[in-house]
PDB file of N, CA and C in Angstrom:
ATOM      1  N   MET A   1      76.086  65.547  99.488  1.00  0.00           N
ATOM      2  CA  MET A   1      76.038  66.862  99.174  1.00  0.00           C
ATOM      3  C   MET A   1      77.489  66.634  98.095  1.00  0.00           C
ATOM      4  N   ARG A   2      77.298  67.509  96.979  1.00  0.00           N
ATOM      5  CA  ARG A   2      78.822  67.672  96.712  1.00  0.00           C
ATOM      6  C   ARG A   2      79.424  68.963  97.116  1.00  0.00           C
ATOM      7  N   MET A   3      80.599  69.227  97.548  1.00  0.00           N
ATOM      8  CA  MET A   3      81.127  70.326  97.465  1.00  0.00           C
ATOM      9  C   MET A   3      81.724  71.119  96.429  1.00  0.00           C
ATOM     10  N   ARG A   4      81.498  72.562  96.389  1.00  0.00           N
ATOM     11  CA  ARG A   4      81.993  73.367  95.518  1.00  0.00           C
ATOM     12  C   ARG A   4      83.484  73.322  95.648  1.00  0.00           C
ATOM     13  N   ASP A   5      84.111  73.130  94.104  1.00  0.00           N
ATOM     14  CA  ASP A   5      85.592  73.331  94.054  1.00  0.00           C
ATOM     15  C   ASP A   5      86.100  74.577  94.272  1.00  0.00           C
ATOM     16  N   GLY A   6      87.291  74.655  94.744  1.00  0.00           N
ATOM     17  CA  GLY A   6      87.786  76.364  94.450  1.00  0.00           C
ATOM     18  C   GLY A   6      87.595  77.065  95.931  1.00  0.00           C
ATOM     19  N   VAL A   7      88.132  78.537  95.169  1.00  0.00           N
ATOM     20  CA  VAL A   7      88.291  79.492  96.420  1.00  0.00           C
ATOM     21  C   VAL A   7      87.371  80.944  95.269  1.00  0.00           C
ATOM     22  N   TRP A   8      86.560  81.324  95.972  1.00  0.00           N
ATOM     23  CA  TRP A   8      85.781  82.260  94.911  1.00  0.00           C
ATOM     24  C   TRP A   8      85.475  83.441  95.839  1.00  0.00           C
ATOM     25  N   THR A   9      85.334  84.428  95.444  1.00  0.00           N
ATOM     26  CA  THR A   9      84.792  85.965  96.117  1.00  0.00           C
ATOM     27  C   THR A   9      83.460  86.540  95.885  1.00  0.00           C
ATOM     28  N   ARG A  10      82.717  87.053  96.925  1.00  0.00           N
ATOM     29  CA  ARG A  10      81.342  87.366  96.700  1.00  0.00           C
ATOM     30  C   ARG A  10      81.860  88.973  97.582  1.00  0.00           C
ATOM     31  N   GLY A  11      81.923  89.585  96.631  1.00  0.00           N
ATOM     32  CA  GLY A  11      81.609  91.303  97.450  1.00  0.00           C
ATOM     33  C   GLY A  11      82.904  91.356  97.945  1.00  0.00           C
ATOM     34  N   GLU A  12      83.100  91.841  99.400  1.00  0.00           N
ATOM     35  CA  GLU A  12      84.515  91.695  99.811  1.00  0.00           C
ATOM     36  C   GLU A  12      84.706  90.262 100.909  1.00  0.00           C
ATOM     37  N   ASN A  13      84.325  89.505 100.312  1.00  0.00           N
ATOM     38  CA  ASN A  13      84.334  88.199 101.247  1.00  0.00           C
ATOM     39  C   ASN A  13      84.759  87.358 100.176  1.00  0.00           C
ATOM     40  N   THR A  14      85.899  86.542 100.948  1.00  0.00           N
ATOM     41  CA  THR A  14      86.353  85.502  99.819  1.00  0.00           C
ATOM     42  C   THR A  14      86.064  83.948 100.613  1.00  0.00           C
ATOM     43  N   GLU A  15      85.270  82.944  99.795  1.00  0.00           N
ATOM     44  CA  GLU A  15      84.864  81.848 100.283  1.00  0.00           C
ATOM     45  C   GLU A  15      85.568  80.385  99.659  1.00  0.00           C
ATOM     46  N   LEU A  16      85.300  79.687 100.522  1.00  0.00           N
ATOM     47  CA  LEU A  16      85.777  78.300 100.119  1.00  0.00           C
ATOM     48  C   LEU A  16      84.850  77.250 100.752  1.00  0.00           C
ATOM     49  N   GLU A  17      84.190  75.940 100.414  1.00  0.00           N
ATOM     50  CA  GLU A  17      84.216  74.705 101.025  1.00  0.00           C
ATOM     51  C   GLU A  17      84.941  73.729 101.484  1.00  0.00           C
ATOM     52  N   VAL A  18      84.680  73.578 102.837  1.00  0.00           N
ATOM     53  CA  VAL A  18      86.015  72.514 103.260  1.00  0.00           C
ATOM     54  C   VAL A  18      84.999  71.391 104.331  1.00  0.00           C
ATOM     55  N   TRP A  19      85.539  70.621 104.584  1.00  0.00           N
ATOM     56  CA  TRP A  19      85.308  69.459 105.324  1.00  0.00           C
ATOM     57  C   TRP A  19      85.430  69.723 106.816  1.00  0.00           C
ATOM     58  N   ILE A  20      84.455  70.072 107.633  1.00  0.00           N
ATOM     59  CA  ILE A  20      84.988  69.977 109.033  1.00  0.00           C
ATOM     60  C   ILE A  20      83.827  69.476 109.810  1.00  0.00           C
ATOM     61  N   ALA A  21      84.661  69.361 111.010  1.00  0.00           N
ATOM     62  CA  ALA A  21      83.614  68.404 111.957  1.00  0.00           C
ATOM     63  C   ALA A  21      82.475  67.166 111.409  1.00  0.00           C
ATOM     64  N   GLY A  22      83.018  66.542 110.426  1.00  0.00           N
ATOM     65  CA  GLY A  22      82.107  65.499 109.552  1.00  0.00           C
ATOM     66  C   GLY A  22      81.141  66.273 108.475  1.00  0.00           C
ATOM     67  N   GLN A  23      81.579  67.329 108.177  1.00  0.00           N
ATOM     68  CA  GLN A  23      80.345  67.396 106.907  1.00  0.00           C
ATOM     69  C   GLN A  23      81.182  68.975 106.307  1.00  0.00           C
ATOM     70  N   ALA A  24      80.722  69.034 105.087  1.00  0.00           N
ATOM     71  CA  ALA A  24      80.960  69.937 103.827  1.00  0.00           C
ATOM     72  C   ALA A  24      80.501  71.317 104.757  1.00  0.00           C
ATOM     73  N   ARG A  25      81.323  72.312 104.937  1.00  0.00           N
ATOM     74  CA  ARG A  25      80.783  73.566 105.329  1.00  0.00           C
ATOM     75  C   ARG A  25      81.425  74.641 104.346  1.00  0.00           C
ATOM     76  N   SER A  26      80.345  75.576 104.287  1.00  0.00           N
ATOM     77  CA  SER A  26      80.793  77.187 103.780  1.00  0.00           C
ATOM     78  C   SER A  26      81.924  78.017 104.437  1.00  0.00           C
ATOM     79  N   VAL A  27      83.109  78.073 104.244  1.00  0.00           N
ATOM     80  CA  VAL A  27      83.763  78.998 105.264  1.00  0.00           C
ATOM     81  C   VAL A  27      83.739  80.467 104.272  1.00  0.00           C
ATOM     82  N   VAL A  28      83.487  81.709 105.055  1.00  0.00           N
ATOM     83  CA  VAL A  28      83.609  82.798 104.405  1.00  0.00           C
ATOM     84  C   VAL A  28      84.695  83.753 105.419  1.00  0.00           C
ATOM     85  N   VAL A  29      85.602  84.117 104.460  1.00  0.00           N
ATOM     86  CA  VAL A  29      86.548  84.882 105.194  1.00  0.00           C
ATOM     87  C   VAL A  29      86.948  86.324 104.797  1.00  0.00           C
ATOM     88  N   THR A  30      86.242  87.337 105.636  1.00  0.00           N
ATOM     89  CA  THR A  30      86.038  88.519 105.318  1.00  0.00           C
ATOM     90  C   THR A  30      87.623  89.271 104.937  1.00  0.00           C
ATOM     91  N   SER A  31      87.505  90.697 104.170  1.00  0.00           N
ATOM     92  CA  SER A  31      88.613  90.838 103.848  1.00  0.00           C
ATOM     93  C   SER A  31      89.375  91.970 104.871  1.00  0.00           C
ATOM     94  N   GLU A  32      88.580  92.280 106.053  1.00  0.00           N
ATOM     95  CA  GLU A  32      88.794  92.716 107.266  1.00  0.00           C
ATOM     96  C   GLU A  32      90.100  91.701 107.854  1.00  0.00           C
ATOM     97  N   ALA A  33      89.709  90.556 107.745  1.00  0.00           N
ATOM     98  CA  ALA A  33      90.223  89.329 108.698  1.00  0.00           C
ATOM     99  C   ALA A  33      91.537  89.040 107.601  1.00  0.00           C
ATOM    100  N   ILE A  34      91.514  89.283 106.631  1.00  0.00           N
ATOM    101  CA  ILE A  34      92.654  89.008 106.041  1.00  0.00           C
ATOM    102  C   ILE A  34      93.647  90.185 106.209  1.00  0.00           C
ATOM    103  N   ALA A  35      93.189  91.482 105.678  1.00  0.00           N
ATOM    104  CA  ALA A  35      94.114  92.766 106.101  1.00  0.00           C
ATOM    105  C   ALA A  35      94.498  92.726 107.465  1.00  0.00           C
ATOM    106  N   HIS A  36      93.792  92.137 108.431  1.00  0.00           N
ATOM    107  CA  HIS A  36      94.171  92.349 109.580  1.00  0.00           C
ATOM    108  C   HIS A  36      95.311  91.315 109.921  1.00  0.00           C
ATOM    109  N   TYR A  37      95.024  90.503 109.385  1.00  0.00           N
ATOM    110  CA  TYR A  37      96.171  89.136 109.762  1.00  0.00           C
ATOM    111  C   TYR A  37      97.466  89.661 108.864  1.00  0.00           C
ATOM    112  N   LEU A  38      97.460  90.122 107.784  1.00  0.00           N
ATOM    113  CA  LEU A  38      98.549  90.672 107.228  1.00  0.00           C
ATOM    114  C   LEU A  38      99.295  91.783 107.479  1.00  0.00           C
ATOM    115  N   GLY A  39      98.405  92.612 108.691  1.00  0.00           N
ATOM    116  CA  GLY A  39      98.907  93.693 109.149  1.00  0.00           C
ATOM    117  C   GLY A  39      99.039  95.009 108.150  1.00  0.00           C
ATOM    118  N   LEU A  40      97.995  95.087 107.396  1.00  0.00           N
ATOM    119  CA  LEU A  40      97.865  96.011 106.200  1.00  0.00           C
ATOM    120  C   LEU A  40      97.033  97.374 106.815  1.00  0.00           C
ATOM    121  N   THR A  41      97.828  98.152 106.016  1.00  0.00           N
ATOM    122  CA  THR A  41      97.182  99.704 106.416  1.00  0.00           C
ATOM    123  C   THR A  41      95.519  99.700 105.860  1.00  0.00           C
ATOM    124  N   PRO A  42      94.925 100.538 106.508  1.00  0.00           N
ATOM    125  CA  PRO A  42      93.282 100.607 105.504  1.00  0.00           C
ATOM    126  C   PRO A  42      93.712 101.149 103.987  1.00  0.00           C
ATOM    127  N   ASP A  43      94.497 101.980 103.679  1.00  0.00           N
ATOM    128  CA  ASP A  43      95.064 102.044 102.166  1.00  0.00           C
ATOM    129  C   ASP A  43      95.144 100.789 101.675  1.00  0.00           C
ATOM    130  N   GLU A  44      96.332 100.275 102.052  1.00  0.00           N
ATOM    131  CA  GLU A  44      96.708  99.217 101.427  1.00  0.00           C
ATOM    132  C   GLU A  44      95.204  97.876 101.211  1.00  0.00           C
ATOM    133  N   ALA A  45      94.520  97.712 102.358  1.00  0.00           N
ATOM    134  CA  ALA A  45      93.602  96.848 102.648  1.00  0.00           C
ATOM    135  C   ALA A  45      92.783  97.399 101.119  1.00  0.00           C
ATOM    136  N   ALA A  46      92.400  98.509 101.347  1.00  0.00           N
ATOM    137  CA  ALA A  46      90.918  98.941 100.351  1.00  0.00           C
ATOM    138  C   ALA A  46      91.735  98.590  98.790  1.00  0.00           C
ATOM    139  N   ARG A  47      93.429  98.401  98.844  1.00  0.00           N
ATOM    140  CA  ARG A  47      93.547  98.334  97.235  1.00  0.00           C
ATOM    141  C   ARG A  47      93.503  96.776  97.076  1.00  0.00           C
ATOM    142  N   MET A  48      93.589  95.967  98.034  1.00  0.00           N
ATOM    143  CA  MET A  48      93.606  94.604  97.764  1.00  0.00           C
ATOM    144  C   MET A  48      92.385  93.995  96.824  1.00  0.00           C
ATOM    145  N   GLY A  49      92.999  93.805  96.089  1.00  0.00           N
ATOM    146  CA  GLY A  49      91.748  93.012  94.931  1.00  0.00           C
ATOM    147  C   GLY A  49      91.333  91.721  95.581  1.00  0.00           C
ATOM    148  N   ALA A  50      90.273  91.203  94.499  1.00  0.00           N
ATOM    149  CA  ALA A  50      89.819  89.691  94.747  1.00  0.00           C
ATOM    150  C   ALA A  50      90.406  88.624  94.127  1.00  0.00           C
ATOM    151  N   GLU A  51      91.559  89.099  93.181  1.00  0.00           N
ATOM    152  CA  GLU A  51      92.522  87.592  93.088  1.00  0.00           C
ATOM    153  C   GLU A  51      93.528  87.620  94.536  1.00  0.00           C
ATOM    154  N   GLU A  52      93.972  88.949  94.720  1.00  0.00           N
ATOM    155  CA  GLU A  52      95.117  88.761  95.800  1.00  0.00           C
ATOM    156  C   GLU A  52      94.314  87.788  97.010  1.00  0.00           C
ATOM    157  N   ARG A  53      92.890  88.376  97.761  1.00  0.00           N
ATOM    158  CA  ARG A  53      92.105  87.513  98.357  1.00  0.00           C
ATOM    159  C   ARG A  53      91.832  86.043  98.548  1.00  0.00           C
ATOM    160  N   ARG A  54      91.906  85.914  97.141  1.00  0.00           N
ATOM    161  CA  ARG A  54      91.661  84.318  96.891  1.00  0.00           C
ATOM    162  C   ARG A  54      93.220  83.587  97.126  1.00  0.00           C
ATOM    163  N   ARG A  55      94.153  84.272  96.378  1.00  0.00           N
ATOM    164  CA  ARG A  55      95.366  83.777  96.833  1.00  0.00           C
ATOM    165  C   ARG A  55      95.691  83.511  98.127  1.00  0.00           C
ATOM    166  N   PHE A  56      95.411  84.507  98.941  1.00  0.00           N
ATOM    167  CA  PHE A  56      95.887  84.403 100.058  1.00  0.00           C
ATOM    168  C   PHE A  56      95.014  83.222 100.604  1.00  0.00           C
ATOM    169  N   VAL A  57      93.862  83.036 100.482  1.00  0.00           N
ATOM    170  CA  VAL A  57      92.907  81.978 101.099  1.00  0.00           C
ATOM    171  C   VAL A  57      93.550  80.481 100.695  1.00  0.00           C
ATOM    172  N   ARG A  58      93.779  80.528  99.321  1.00  0.00           N
ATOM    173  CA  ARG A  58      94.329  79.194  98.709  1.00  0.00           C
ATOM    174  C   ARG A  58      95.480  78.940  99.475  1.00  0.00           C
ATOM    175  N   ASP A  59      96.622  79.816  99.720  1.00  0.00           N
ATOM    176  CA  ASP A  59      97.918  79.823 100.038  1.00  0.00           C
ATOM    177  C   ASP A  59      97.869  79.628 101.543  1.00  0.00           C
ATOM    178  N   ASN A  60      97.004  79.913 102.207  1.00  0.00           N
ATOM    179  CA  ASN A  60      96.973  79.490 103.798  1.00  0.00           C
ATOM    180  C   ASN A  60      95.862  78.814 104.420  1.00  0.00           C
ATOM    181  N   ILE A  61      95.109  77.494 103.283  1.00  0.00           N
ATOM    182  CA  ILE A  61      94.090  77.027 103.641  1.00  0.00           C
ATOM    183  C   ILE A  61      94.378  76.256 104.992  1.00  0.00           C
ATOM    184  N   SER A  62      95.274  75.838 105.747  1.00  0.00           N
ATOM    185  CA  SER A  62      95.674  75.290 106.654  1.00  0.00           C
ATOM    186  C   SER A  62      95.449  76.664 108.065  1.00  0.00           C
ATOM    187  N   LEU A  63      95.585  77.783 107.630  1.00  0.00           N
ATOM    188  CA  LEU A  63      95.274  78.520 108.788  1.00  0.00           C
ATOM    189  C   LEU A  63      93.450  78.939 108.978  1.00  0.00           C
ATOM    190  N   VAL A  64      93.125  79.176 107.576  1.00  0.00           N
ATOM    191  CA  VAL A  64      91.698  79.249 107.445  1.00  0.00           C
ATOM    192  C   VAL A  64      90.845  78.157 108.034  1.00  0.00           C
ATOM    193  N   THR A  65      91.308  76.714 107.792  1.00  0.00           N
ATOM    194  CA  THR A  65      90.467  75.627 108.093  1.00  0.00           C
ATOM    195  C   THR A  65      91.090  75.613 109.703  1.00  0.00           C
ATOM    196  N   ALA A  66      92.039  76.007 110.079  1.00  0.00           N
ATOM    197  CA  ALA A  66      92.228  75.705 111.604  1.00  0.00           C
ATOM    198  C   ALA A  66      91.508  76.887 112.331  1.00  0.00           C
ATOM    199  N   ALA A  67      91.068  77.792 111.844  1.00  0.00           N
ATOM    200  CA  ALA A  67      90.226  78.760 112.393  1.00  0.00           C
ATOM    201  C   ALA A  67      88.729  78.529 112.189  1.00  0.00           C
ATOM    202  N   ALA A  68      88.341  77.837 111.014  1.00  0.00           N
ATOM    203  CA  ALA A  68      87.040  77.205 111.003  1.00  0.00           C
ATOM    204  C   ALA A  68      86.734  76.444 112.009  1.00  0.00           C
ATOM    205  N   ASN A  69      87.963  75.494 111.932  1.00  0.00           N
ATOM    206  CA  ASN A  69      87.726  74.400 113.215  1.00  0.00           C
ATOM    207  C   ASN A  69      87.579  74.276 114.867  1.00  0.00           C
ATOM    208  N   ARG A  70      88.419  75.719 114.988  1.00  0.00           N
ATOM    209  CA  ARG A  70      87.988  76.322 116.384  1.00  0.00           C
ATOM    210  C   ARG A  70      86.803  76.852 116.290  1.00  0.00           C
ATOM    211  N   LYS A  71      85.671  77.537 115.382  1.00  0.00           N
ATOM    212  CA  LYS A  71      85.124  78.005 115.361  1.00  0.00           C
ATOM    213  C   LYS A  71      83.721  77.134 115.678  1.00  0.00           C
ATOM    214  N   VAL A  72      83.695  76.161 114.971  1.00  0.00           N
ATOM    215  CA  VAL A  72      82.742  74.838 115.022  1.00  0.00           C
ATOM    216  C   VAL A  72      82.865  74.448 116.752  1.00  0.00           C
ATOM    217  N   ALA A  73      84.352  74.183 116.953  1.00  0.00           N
ATOM    218  CA  ALA A  73      84.412  73.101 118.149  1.00  0.00           C
ATOM    219  C   ALA A  73      83.804  74.255 119.466  1.00  0.00           C
ATOM    220  N   GLN A  74      83.659  75.687 119.175  1.00  0.00           N
ATOM    221  CA  GLN A  74      83.193  76.373 120.182  1.00  0.00           C
ATOM    222  C   GLN A  74      81.877  76.296 120.436  1.00  0.00           C
ATOM    223  N   ASP A  75      81.183  76.091 119.345  1.00  0.00           N
ATOM    224  CA  ASP A  75      79.516  75.896 118.984  1.00  0.00           C
ATOM    225  C   ASP A  75      79.352  74.781 118.123  1.00  0.00           C
ATOM    226  N   ILE A  76      78.922  73.801 118.459  1.00  0.00           N
ATOM    227  CA  ILE A  76      79.049  72.602 117.804  1.00  0.00           C
ATOM    228  C   ILE A  76      77.535  72.944 116.921  1.00  0.00           C
ATOM    229  N   ARG A  77      76.676  73.551 116.955  1.00  0.00           N
ATOM    230  CA  ARG A  77      75.599  74.191 116.448  1.00  0.00           C
ATOM    231  C   ARG A  77      75.653  75.405 115.484  1.00  0.00           C
ATOM    232  N   THR A  78      76.818  75.449 115.252  1.00  0.00           N
ATOM    233  CA  THR A  78      77.306  76.195 113.867  1.00  0.00           C
ATOM    234  C   THR A  78      77.102  75.479 112.643  1.00  0.00           C
ATOM    235  N   ARG A  79      76.124  76.608 112.021  1.00  0.00           N
ATOM    236  CA  ARG A  79      75.734  76.356 110.846  1.00  0.00           C
ATOM    237  C   ARG A  79      76.336  75.536 109.690  1.00  0.00           C
ATOM    238  N   ALA A  80      76.027  75.587 108.564  1.00  0.00           N
ATOM    239  CA  ALA A  80      77.003  75.042 107.378  1.00  0.00           C
ATOM    240  C   ALA A  80      77.820  75.834 106.875  1.00  0.00           C
ATOM    241  N   SER A  81      77.639  76.985 106.971  1.00  0.00           N
ATOM    242  CA  SER A  81      78.546  78.565 106.786  1.00  0.00           C
ATOM    243  C   SER A  81      79.110  79.355 107.987  1.00  0.00           C
ATOM    244  N   ASN A  82      80.538  79.311 108.133  1.00  0.00           N
ATOM    245  CA  ASN A  82      80.887  79.847 109.129  1.00  0.00           C
ATOM    246  C   ASN A  82      81.749  81.180 108.666  1.00  0.00           C
ATOM    247  N   THR A  83      81.827  82.384 109.398  1.00  0.00           N
ATOM    248  CA  THR A  83      82.549  83.273 108.687  1.00  0.00           C
ATOM    249  C   THR A  83      83.542  83.879 109.623  1.00  0.00           C
ATOM    250  N   ILE A  84      84.675  83.933 109.065  1.00  0.00           N
ATOM    251  CA  ILE A  84      85.949  84.004 109.804  1.00  0.00           C
ATOM    252  C   ILE A  84      86.228  85.852 109.891  1.00  0.00           C
ATOM    253  N   SER A  85      86.214  86.569 111.125  1.00  0.00           N
ATOM    254  CA  SER A  85      86.036  87.636 111.022  1.00  0.00           C
ATOM    255  C   SER A  85      87.725  88.025 111.587  1.00  0.00           C
ATOM    256  N   SER A  86      87.831  89.372 111.624  1.00  0.00           N
ATOM    257  CA  SER A  86      88.980  89.998 111.951  1.00  0.00           C
ATOM    258  C   SER A  86      89.997  89.409 112.704  1.00  0.00           C
ATOM    259  N   GLU A  87      89.747  89.135 113.845  1.00  0.00           N
ATOM    260  CA  GLU A  87      90.693  88.471 115.141  1.00  0.00           C
ATOM    261  C   GLU A  87      90.828  86.981 114.974  1.00  0.00           C
ATOM    262  N   GLU A  88      89.907  86.214 114.228  1.00  0.00           N
ATOM    263  CA  GLU A  88      89.973  84.782 114.342  1.00  0.00           C
ATOM    264  C   GLU A  88      90.870  83.991 113.549  1.00  0.00           C
ATOM    265  N   LEU A  89      91.321  84.683 112.685  1.00  0.00           N
ATOM    266  CA  LEU A  89      92.832  83.971 111.826  1.00  0.00           C
ATOM    267  C   LEU A  89      94.210  84.098 112.984  1.00  0.00           C
ATOM    268  N   ASN A  90      94.118  85.235 113.540  1.00  0.00           N
ATOM    269  CA  ASN A  90      95.363  85.093 114.234  1.00  0.00           C
ATOM    270  C   ASN A  90      95.225  84.144 115.816  1.00  0.00           C
ATOM    271  N   GLU A  91      93.894  84.098 115.783  1.00  0.00           N
ATOM    272  CA  GLU A  91      93.676  83.671 117.352  1.00  0.00           C
ATOM    273  C   GLU A  91      94.285  82.215 117.338  1.00  0.00           C
ATOM    274  N   GLN A  92      95.345  81.743 118.262  1.00  0.00           N
ATOM    275  CA  GLN A  92      95.840  80.498 118.439  1.00  0.00           C
ATOM    276  C   GLN A  92      96.700  79.842 117.104  1.00  0.00           C
ATOM    277  N   SER A  93      96.638  80.538 116.148  1.00  0.00           N
ATOM    278  CA  SER A  93      96.852  79.981 114.935  1.00  0.00           C
ATOM    279  C   SER A  93      98.660  79.295 114.596  1.00  0.00           C
ATOM    280  N   GLY A  94      99.366  79.990 115.275  1.00  0.00           N
ATOM    281  CA  GLY A  94     101.049  79.795 114.706  1.00  0.00           C
ATOM    282  C   GLY A  94     101.509  79.477 113.651  1.00  0.00           C
ATOM    283  N   TYR A  95     100.557  80.053 112.745  1.00  0.00           N
ATOM    284  CA  TYR A  95     101.128  79.681 111.161  1.00  0.00           C
ATOM    285  C   TYR A  95     101.427  81.295 110.754  1.00  0.00           C
ATOM    286  N   PRO A  96     102.766  81.331 110.362  1.00  0.00           N
ATOM    287  CA  PRO A  96     102.718  82.497 109.595  1.00  0.00           C
ATOM    288  C   PRO A  96     102.056  82.516 108.303  1.00  0.00           C
ATOM    289  N   PRO A  97     102.017  83.850 107.740  1.00  0.00           N
ATOM    290  CA  PRO A  97     101.360  84.023 106.347  1.00  0.00           C
ATOM    291  C   PRO A  97     101.870  83.359 105.225  1.00  0.00           C
ATOM    292  N   LYS A  98     101.927  82.612 104.612  1.00  0.00           N
ATOM    293  CA  LYS A  98     102.577  82.098 103.166  1.00  0.00           C
ATOM    294  C   LYS A  98     102.568  82.992 102.387  1.00  0.00           C
ATOM    295  N   THR A  99     101.532  83.751 102.377  1.00  0.00           N
ATOM    296  CA  THR A  99     101.434  84.801 101.046  1.00  0.00           C
ATOM    297  C   THR A  99     101.915  86.003 101.418  1.00  0.00           C
ATOM    298  N   ILE A 100     102.779  86.530 100.685  1.00  0.00           N
ATOM    299  CA  ILE A 100     103.183  87.890 101.386  1.00  0.00           C
ATOM    300  C   ILE A 100     102.884  88.742 100.044  1.00  0.00           C
ATOM    301  N   LEU A 101     102.200  89.795 100.155  1.00  0.00           N
ATOM    302  CA  LEU A 101     101.271  90.552  99.203  1.00  0.00           C
ATOM    303  C   LEU A 101     102.584  91.503  98.980  1.00  0.00           C
ATOM    304  N   LYS A 102     102.259  91.833  97.459  1.00  0.00           N
ATOM    305  CA  LYS A 102     103.273  93.356  97.550  1.00  0.00           C
ATOM    306  C   LYS A 102     102.889  94.633  98.285  1.00  0.00           C
ATOM    307  N   ARG A 103     103.414  95.236  98.903  1.00  0.00           N
ATOM    308  CA  ARG A 103     103.146  96.527  99.431  1.00  0.00           C
ATOM    309  C   ARG A 103     102.510  96.993  98.175  1.00  0.00           C
ATOM    310  N   LEU A 104     101.231  97.489  98.740  1.00  0.00           N
ATOM    311  CA  LEU A 104     100.079  98.050  97.364  1.00  0.00           C
ATOM    312  C   LEU A 104     100.291  99.524  97.804  1.00  0.00           C
TER     313      LEU A 104
END
């Protein structure tokens, strides 16, 4: 299986492919997860654009990959696609955000 390169957006979600638990998996990071992790207000989150979300995921790839690994470890039957939702980026991450978005 050939992995797709890069980070892309589809609607309000930001996606990438990473190698997790011995296979290529698509990881979907919701815009709510990013906003929650950055502590954005609802207005700030609504103004966050696709490029800013892609930059966050690229700059915080270790955080996103760790969240996806935890999710797979909890349920080995997890499909080839994993969605990272609001609280999952914070959960046991230990990673401060590398991307500091301008206050929108």
